Protein backbone atom coordinates (compact mmCIF):
# COMPACT_ATOMS: atom_id res chain seq x y z
CA UNK A 1 -30.94 3.95 48.11
CA UNK A 2 -30.30 7.60 47.99
CA UNK A 3 -30.63 9.88 51.15
CA UNK A 4 -30.98 13.52 51.11
CA UNK A 5 -30.85 15.59 53.46
CA UNK A 6 -28.80 13.04 55.71
CA UNK A 7 -26.13 12.86 53.11
CA UNK A 8 -25.75 16.55 53.62
CA UNK A 9 -25.38 16.60 57.61
CA UNK A 10 -22.64 13.39 57.17
CA UNK A 11 -20.75 15.56 54.64
CA UNK A 12 -21.21 18.39 56.43
CA UNK A 13 -19.37 16.59 59.96
CA UNK A 14 -17.23 14.59 57.96
CA UNK A 15 -18.88 11.22 58.74
CA UNK A 16 -18.38 8.01 56.99
CA UNK A 17 -21.51 6.22 56.12
CA UNK A 18 -21.98 3.13 57.63
CA UNK A 19 -20.16 3.66 60.69
CA UNK A 20 -21.69 4.05 64.41
CA UNK A 21 -21.64 7.95 64.89
CA UNK A 22 -23.04 8.16 60.83
CA UNK A 23 -25.78 5.62 62.12
CA UNK A 24 -26.79 7.82 65.31
CA UNK A 25 -26.16 11.13 63.38
CA UNK A 26 -28.79 9.85 60.68
CA UNK A 27 -31.33 8.97 63.25
CA UNK A 28 -31.14 12.02 65.00
CA UNK A 29 -31.31 14.20 62.39
CA UNK A 30 -34.25 12.52 60.67
CA UNK A 31 -36.06 11.66 63.90
CA UNK A 32 -36.41 15.31 65.11
CA UNK A 33 -37.94 17.13 62.40
CA UNK A 34 -40.36 14.27 61.85
CA UNK A 35 -41.08 14.20 65.60
CA UNK A 36 -42.17 17.92 65.32
CA UNK A 37 -43.95 17.59 62.43
CA UNK A 38 -45.92 14.55 63.50
CA UNK A 39 -46.85 16.61 66.72
CA UNK A 40 -48.08 19.66 64.48
CA UNK A 41 -50.21 17.76 62.40
CA UNK A 42 -51.54 16.15 65.41
CA UNK A 43 -52.46 19.73 66.69
CA UNK A 44 -53.89 20.86 63.66
CA UNK A 45 -55.88 18.14 62.75
CA UNK A 46 -57.40 17.62 66.06
CA UNK A 47 -58.36 21.03 66.25
CA UNK A 48 -59.82 20.99 62.47
CA UNK A 49 -61.75 17.76 63.10
CA UNK A 50 -63.71 19.59 65.95
CA UNK A 51 -64.13 22.88 63.80
CA UNK A 52 -65.30 20.70 60.95
CA UNK A 53 -67.58 18.82 63.18
CA UNK A 54 -68.92 21.70 64.87
CA UNK A 55 -69.66 23.65 61.70
CA UNK A 56 -71.48 20.47 60.32
CA UNK A 57 -73.56 20.61 63.41
CA UNK A 58 -74.00 24.34 63.51
CA UNK A 59 -72.05 25.00 66.57
CA UNK A 60 -68.81 26.67 67.09
CA UNK A 61 -66.62 24.48 68.67
CA UNK A 62 -63.45 25.35 70.77
CA UNK A 63 -63.33 29.27 71.07
CA UNK A 64 -61.88 29.98 74.73
CA UNK A 65 -58.34 28.72 74.58
CA UNK A 66 -56.06 30.67 72.19
CA UNK A 67 -57.50 32.47 69.20
CA UNK A 68 -60.67 30.56 67.80
CA UNK A 69 -59.47 27.89 70.03
CA UNK A 70 -56.11 26.94 68.54
CA UNK A 71 -54.49 26.35 71.82
CA UNK A 72 -57.19 23.86 73.21
CA UNK A 73 -55.44 20.60 71.78
CA UNK A 74 -52.34 21.95 73.42
CA UNK A 75 -54.45 22.10 76.61
CA UNK A 76 -55.69 18.67 75.89
CA UNK A 77 -52.43 17.40 75.64
CA UNK A 78 -50.87 19.11 79.36
CA UNK A 79 -54.00 17.83 80.77
CA UNK A 80 -53.28 13.91 79.64
CA UNK A 81 -49.69 14.49 80.92
CA UNK A 82 -51.11 14.83 84.36
CA UNK A 83 -53.47 12.01 84.23
CA UNK A 84 -52.49 8.75 85.84
CA UNK A 85 -51.21 5.66 83.88
CA UNK A 86 -53.31 2.91 84.68
CA UNK A 87 -52.80 -0.61 83.86
CA UNK A 88 -55.17 -3.50 84.21
CA UNK A 89 -54.10 -5.88 87.32
CA UNK A 90 -54.24 -9.04 84.85
CA UNK A 91 -52.78 -7.46 81.82
CA UNK A 92 -49.68 -8.36 79.79
CA UNK A 93 -47.40 -5.43 81.27
CA UNK A 94 -44.76 -5.59 78.45
CA UNK A 95 -47.02 -6.00 75.52
CA UNK A 96 -49.62 -3.37 77.29
CA UNK A 97 -46.55 -0.66 77.08
CA UNK A 98 -45.39 -1.75 73.84
CA UNK A 99 -48.57 -1.40 71.65
CA UNK A 100 -48.79 2.45 71.76
CA UNK A 101 -45.24 2.42 70.89
CA UNK A 102 -45.52 0.09 68.02
CA UNK A 103 -48.58 1.75 66.49
CA UNK A 104 -47.01 4.92 66.44
CA UNK A 105 -43.63 3.92 65.10
CA UNK A 106 -45.59 2.36 62.22
CA UNK A 107 -46.65 6.16 61.28
CA UNK A 108 -43.27 7.78 62.39
CA UNK A 109 -41.22 5.83 59.84
CA UNK A 110 -43.67 6.32 56.76
CA UNK A 111 -42.81 10.11 57.21
CA UNK A 112 -39.17 9.45 56.40
CA UNK A 113 -40.13 8.68 52.77
CA UNK A 114 -42.75 11.61 52.61
CA UNK A 115 -41.49 14.31 49.72
CA UNK A 116 -42.44 17.83 50.71
CA UNK A 117 -40.30 19.06 47.77
CA UNK A 118 -37.54 17.90 45.57
CA UNK A 119 -34.94 18.56 48.32
CA UNK A 120 -37.03 18.44 51.52
CA UNK A 121 -37.17 14.73 51.96
CA UNK A 122 -35.62 12.69 54.32
CA UNK A 123 -35.07 9.79 52.59
CA UNK A 124 -35.39 9.21 49.16
CA UNK A 125 -36.10 5.42 48.62
CA UNK A 126 -36.12 3.95 45.09
CA UNK A 127 -38.61 1.54 46.90
CA UNK A 128 -40.41 4.26 48.60
CA UNK A 129 -43.92 3.15 47.75
CA UNK A 130 -43.22 -0.74 48.85
CA UNK A 131 -41.57 0.86 52.05
CA UNK A 132 -44.71 2.85 52.94
CA UNK A 133 -46.85 -0.17 52.23
CA UNK A 134 -44.67 -2.35 54.51
CA UNK A 135 -44.13 -0.29 57.50
CA UNK A 136 -47.84 0.52 57.49
CA UNK A 137 -49.04 -3.06 58.17
CA UNK A 138 -47.27 -2.57 61.49
CA UNK A 139 -49.92 -0.74 62.82
CA UNK A 140 -52.26 -3.88 62.70
CA UNK A 141 -49.72 -5.85 64.94
CA UNK A 142 -49.69 -3.03 67.31
CA UNK A 143 -53.40 -2.86 67.34
CA UNK A 144 -53.87 -6.63 68.11
CA UNK A 145 -51.24 -6.24 70.84
CA UNK A 146 -53.33 -3.60 72.54
CA UNK A 147 -56.53 -5.46 72.38
CA UNK A 148 -54.74 -9.05 73.35
CA UNK A 149 -52.86 -7.46 76.12
CA UNK A 150 -55.42 -5.41 77.92
CA UNK A 151 -57.31 -8.55 79.04
CA UNK A 152 -60.60 -7.27 78.00
CA UNK A 153 -62.90 -8.88 75.87
CA UNK A 154 -64.28 -5.57 74.48
CA UNK A 155 -60.96 -4.70 73.38
CA UNK A 156 -59.73 -7.97 71.91
CA UNK A 157 -62.92 -7.69 69.92
CA UNK A 158 -61.99 -4.42 68.92
CA UNK A 159 -58.38 -5.51 67.90
CA UNK A 160 -59.81 -8.57 65.97
CA UNK A 161 -62.02 -6.30 64.19
CA UNK A 162 -59.13 -3.87 63.08
CA UNK A 163 -56.96 -6.74 61.69
CA UNK A 164 -59.36 -8.35 59.64
CA UNK A 165 -60.49 -4.83 58.33
CA UNK A 166 -56.53 -3.58 57.69
CA UNK A 167 -55.29 -7.16 56.04
CA UNK A 168 -58.64 -7.09 53.82
CA UNK A 169 -58.24 -3.39 52.43
CA UNK A 170 -54.58 -3.79 52.00
CA UNK A 171 -55.09 -5.77 48.93
CA UNK A 172 -56.85 -2.72 46.60
CA UNK A 173 -54.66 -0.16 48.66
CA UNK A 174 -51.68 -1.99 47.17
CA UNK A 175 -53.24 -2.12 43.50
CA UNK A 176 -54.13 1.67 44.01
CA UNK A 177 -50.74 2.27 44.79
CA UNK A 178 -49.21 -0.02 41.98
CA UNK A 179 -51.37 2.31 39.22
CA UNK A 180 -49.30 5.25 40.28
CA UNK A 181 -46.08 3.00 39.77
CA UNK A 182 -47.29 2.10 36.49
CA UNK A 183 -47.31 5.55 35.33
CA UNK A 184 -44.30 7.01 36.53
CA UNK A 185 -42.21 3.79 35.88
CA UNK A 186 -40.58 4.15 39.31
CA UNK A 187 -41.64 3.34 43.05
CA UNK A 188 -39.47 6.41 44.34
CA UNK A 189 -42.09 9.09 45.51
CA UNK A 190 -39.83 11.66 44.30
CA UNK A 191 -39.52 10.12 40.85
CA UNK A 192 -43.57 9.82 40.67
CA UNK A 193 -44.04 13.70 41.39
CA UNK A 194 -41.35 14.82 38.74
CA UNK A 195 -43.01 12.51 35.98
CA UNK A 196 -46.13 14.78 36.75
CA UNK A 197 -44.32 18.23 35.79
CA UNK A 198 -45.85 20.60 33.65
CA UNK A 199 -49.51 22.01 33.64
CA UNK A 200 -52.26 20.59 36.14
CA UNK A 201 -53.45 18.37 33.16
CA UNK A 202 -50.23 16.36 33.20
CA UNK A 203 -51.29 14.80 36.42
CA UNK A 204 -51.97 11.45 36.44
CA UNK A 205 -55.56 12.05 37.66
CA UNK A 206 -56.20 13.93 34.36
CA UNK A 207 -53.73 12.21 32.16
CA UNK A 208 -55.36 8.68 32.31
CA UNK A 209 -59.18 8.35 32.55
CA UNK A 210 -59.08 5.02 34.68
CA UNK A 211 -56.95 6.90 37.33
CA UNK A 212 -60.25 8.68 38.61
CA UNK A 213 -61.60 5.34 39.62
CA UNK A 214 -58.17 4.38 41.11
CA UNK A 215 -58.08 7.05 43.14
CA UNK A 216 -61.56 6.40 44.79
CA UNK A 217 -60.42 2.93 45.83
CA UNK A 218 -57.43 3.96 47.09
CA UNK A 219 -58.91 6.85 49.19
CA UNK A 220 -61.80 4.52 50.39
CA UNK A 221 -59.29 1.92 51.20
CA UNK A 222 -57.19 4.76 52.95
CA UNK A 223 -60.28 5.31 55.58
CA UNK A 224 -60.50 1.44 56.28
CA UNK A 225 -56.50 1.52 56.88
CA UNK A 226 -57.18 4.61 59.14
CA UNK A 227 -60.08 2.90 60.88
CA UNK A 228 -61.99 6.41 60.05
CA UNK A 229 -65.81 6.83 59.73
CA UNK A 230 -67.93 4.74 58.04
CA UNK A 231 -65.12 2.00 58.86
CA UNK A 232 -64.35 2.95 62.53
CA UNK A 233 -65.33 -0.77 63.87
CA UNK A 234 -62.33 -1.25 65.77
CA UNK A 235 -63.40 1.86 68.00
CA UNK A 236 -66.96 1.48 67.89
CA UNK A 237 -68.17 3.14 71.10
CA UNK A 238 -72.05 1.97 70.92
CA UNK A 239 -70.80 -1.65 70.84
CA UNK A 240 -67.47 -1.80 72.03
CA UNK A 241 -67.05 0.85 74.48
CA UNK A 242 -63.82 2.11 73.20
CA UNK A 243 -62.28 -0.76 71.28
CA UNK A 244 -59.01 -1.82 71.31
CA UNK A 245 -57.87 1.29 73.42
CA UNK A 246 -60.16 1.13 75.84
CA UNK A 247 -58.35 0.25 79.05
CA UNK A 248 -55.56 2.85 77.95
CA UNK A 249 -55.18 6.09 79.50
CA UNK A 250 -53.25 9.42 79.99
CA UNK A 251 -50.24 9.63 77.37
CA UNK A 252 -50.72 6.16 76.14
CA UNK A 253 -54.27 7.08 75.20
CA UNK A 254 -52.90 10.12 73.42
CA UNK A 255 -50.11 8.46 71.18
CA UNK A 256 -53.06 6.04 69.86
CA UNK A 257 -54.87 9.14 68.85
CA UNK A 258 -51.44 11.04 67.66
CA UNK A 259 -50.42 8.23 65.35
CA UNK A 260 -54.37 7.94 63.98
CA UNK A 261 -53.83 11.51 62.93
CA UNK A 262 -50.40 11.28 61.73
CA UNK A 263 -51.57 8.38 59.40
CA UNK A 264 -54.24 10.48 58.03
CA UNK A 265 -51.51 12.90 56.53
CA UNK A 266 -49.53 9.99 55.31
CA UNK A 267 -52.46 8.39 53.59
CA UNK A 268 -53.32 11.92 52.26
CA UNK A 269 -49.77 12.75 51.09
CA UNK A 270 -49.44 9.63 49.06
CA UNK A 271 -52.33 10.10 47.48
CA UNK A 272 -51.47 13.57 46.50
CA UNK A 273 -47.92 12.21 45.22
CA UNK A 274 -49.69 9.41 43.41
CA UNK A 275 -52.62 11.22 41.74
CA UNK A 276 -52.22 15.12 42.17
CA UNK A 277 -48.76 16.11 41.26
CA UNK A 278 -47.08 16.06 44.49
CA UNK A 279 -45.56 19.28 45.63
CA UNK A 280 -46.19 20.53 41.87
CA UNK A 281 -48.71 23.37 41.53
CA UNK A 282 -49.27 22.55 38.09
CA UNK A 283 -47.95 25.88 36.93
CA UNK A 284 -44.68 25.71 35.27
CA UNK A 285 -43.56 29.33 35.92
CA UNK A 286 -43.82 28.63 39.66
CA UNK A 287 -42.76 24.55 39.55
CA UNK A 288 -39.37 26.23 37.56
CA UNK A 289 -38.66 28.07 40.38
CA UNK A 290 -35.21 26.88 42.27
CA UNK A 291 -33.59 27.17 45.51
CA UNK A 292 -34.96 27.56 48.95
CA UNK A 293 -37.61 29.42 47.70
CA UNK A 294 -38.75 26.60 45.43
CA UNK A 295 -38.69 24.56 47.62
CA UNK A 296 -40.20 26.39 50.33
CA UNK A 297 -43.22 26.66 47.81
CA UNK A 298 -43.34 22.98 47.16
CA UNK A 299 -43.65 22.21 50.64
CA UNK A 300 -46.36 24.70 50.71
CA UNK A 301 -48.28 23.20 47.95
CA UNK A 302 -47.65 19.54 49.24
CA UNK A 303 -48.91 20.19 52.81
CA UNK A 304 -51.83 22.24 51.58
CA UNK A 305 -53.08 19.70 49.11
CA UNK A 306 -52.62 16.97 51.77
CA UNK A 307 -54.61 18.85 54.51
CA UNK A 308 -57.32 19.50 52.03
CA UNK A 309 -57.72 15.42 51.65
CA UNK A 310 -57.60 15.29 55.66
CA UNK A 311 -60.57 17.55 55.92
CA UNK A 312 -62.26 15.64 53.31
CA UNK A 313 -61.81 12.57 55.46
CA UNK A 314 -63.23 14.51 58.49
CA UNK A 315 -66.07 15.39 56.35
CA UNK A 316 -66.94 11.78 55.58
CA UNK A 317 -66.86 11.12 59.21
CA UNK A 318 -69.28 13.51 60.15
CA UNK A 319 -71.47 12.92 57.50
CA UNK A 320 -72.10 9.12 56.58
CA UNK A 321 -72.88 6.54 59.49
CA UNK A 322 -71.17 3.27 60.49
CA UNK A 323 -71.38 0.56 58.42
CA UNK A 324 -71.51 -3.39 59.71
CA UNK A 325 -68.49 -5.35 59.55
CA UNK A 326 -70.26 -7.73 57.16
CA UNK A 327 -70.68 -4.61 54.69
CA UNK A 328 -67.44 -3.62 55.19
CA UNK A 329 -65.82 -7.31 53.85
CA UNK A 330 -68.33 -7.44 51.04
CA UNK A 331 -67.55 -3.71 50.21
CA UNK A 332 -63.88 -4.49 49.94
CA UNK A 333 -64.08 -8.36 48.41
CA UNK A 334 -66.97 -8.32 46.12
CA UNK A 335 -66.46 -4.52 44.63
CA UNK A 336 -63.16 -2.42 45.50
CA UNK A 337 -61.15 -5.80 44.50
CA UNK A 338 -62.46 -6.64 41.01
CA UNK A 339 -62.45 -3.27 40.27
CA UNK A 340 -59.06 -2.38 40.91
CA UNK A 341 -57.79 -5.28 39.20
CA UNK A 342 -59.65 -4.26 36.22
CA UNK A 343 -58.65 -0.37 36.73
CA UNK A 344 -54.90 -1.60 36.90
CA UNK A 345 -55.05 -3.30 33.71
CA UNK A 346 -56.87 -0.53 32.06
CA UNK A 347 -54.14 1.66 32.97
CA UNK A 348 -51.42 -0.23 32.09
CA UNK A 349 -52.54 -0.48 28.49
CA UNK A 350 -53.46 3.20 28.37
CA UNK A 351 -50.13 4.06 29.12
CA UNK A 352 -48.56 1.74 27.10
CA UNK A 353 -50.16 3.17 24.25
CA UNK A 354 -50.63 6.99 25.24
CA UNK A 355 -48.01 7.68 27.95
CA UNK A 356 -47.94 11.36 27.20
CA UNK A 357 -51.40 12.19 25.96
CA UNK A 358 -51.65 15.48 27.95
CA UNK A 359 -54.98 16.63 25.48
CA UNK A 360 -56.61 14.11 26.91
CA UNK A 361 -56.18 15.69 30.45
CA UNK A 362 -57.20 19.31 29.06
CA UNK A 363 -60.24 17.71 27.77
CA UNK A 364 -60.84 16.17 31.14
CA UNK A 365 -60.69 19.01 32.79
CA UNK A 366 -62.72 21.16 30.46
CA UNK A 367 -65.58 18.37 31.17
CA UNK A 368 -65.42 18.43 34.86
CA UNK A 369 -65.78 22.34 34.99
CA UNK A 370 -69.13 22.32 32.29
CA UNK A 371 -70.25 19.76 34.83
CA UNK A 372 -69.73 21.56 38.10
CA UNK A 373 -71.49 24.36 36.33
CA UNK A 374 -74.39 22.00 35.37
CA UNK A 375 -74.85 20.85 38.75
CA UNK A 376 -74.52 24.07 40.01
CA UNK A 377 -77.91 25.25 38.11
CA UNK A 378 -79.14 21.84 39.15
CA UNK A 379 -78.81 22.66 42.87
CA UNK A 380 -80.24 26.49 42.30
CA UNK A 381 -83.09 25.12 40.62
CA UNK A 382 -83.88 22.65 43.34
CA UNK A 383 -83.32 25.37 45.80
CA UNK A 384 -85.72 27.73 44.14
CA UNK A 385 -88.55 24.66 43.60
CA UNK A 386 -88.05 24.03 47.49
CA UNK A 387 -88.83 28.09 48.33
CA UNK A 388 -91.81 27.94 45.90
CA UNK A 389 -93.33 24.66 47.86
CA UNK A 390 -92.69 26.55 51.24
CA UNK A 391 -94.68 29.85 50.05
CA UNK A 392 -97.82 27.86 48.75
CA UNK A 393 -100.94 28.00 51.17
CA UNK A 394 -101.71 25.17 53.22
CA UNK A 395 -105.14 23.98 54.32
CA UNK A 396 -106.09 22.26 57.57
CA UNK A 397 -108.06 19.25 57.35
């Protein structure tokens, strides 16, 4: 286990590792920036969600509070601070209060292992992937606690749905995580990112032909883990009022949503590290810049890639309808699980035979470019054909 930022701070203040003061110092050092970043991620993500959904539905979204509505989420947070904190009469008060903290803690702790650049990381754990998968599972416990403690049948139904969904999709999600570990030979997220150094075709998603399928499996499973549409069954408002957080109000309600948007960033950042080169831009001249400038560039690249995947999650939410619970389980157990097992074996075979076959990545990028051009040509022909049909004269019968 290697600490990066924490070690520097402890050495600066001449604190011995393993002591009480070193523990308090380490917690203060990494908790402060993560708290600020999670808050910023929540503010930006909620604003993006509103804007993306508005543009998909041909409307403007928030525009009044701040420039282009940027401060609308902050205003909503201030409003929630002033709302009354209601607790149901027959609820289990201890578990009711602890549930949102448990859900948020699962997301909060995961940020400690997310690398923003080579040096901008709180804790570079040798088992970083395993740590994130382990602490991410705590969210299901918090959701079940929220549903059970509310003493509400609709909340309990939502909690049971969440537990069923999360436990099931963790299996293909874990297999997708193992794919990146196989290609890099390490469970450290820093090592996995550094293993994709070089040009853009050195990224795992281009270097191995089966990593595209594994990325799709990972992305679908991550949607289910975050309870995002079309897998938002635990919060099905048309069936369960508001799911497991029906009885929550004020800041406790806000904490659930802050944890949700924080986890969206976590799964997106892990996907970027495993498949898209992490903080590496794919241009050696830029990636070779060292010092503070290089780390700032890497952090910018990492955050940009992660938010692009977050935007795709939002795009899917406002495009696809919610599916039934039996369809959710069928998709996981009948399709994603066997496909991920087969792909994992094929990835291992390819990695053993051609671990550094970058020429395949070049060919894959060229094929993707040609495919994109062909799809664009087909799209233009379809648009022209539709215009022609609209211009034809019609006869009334």
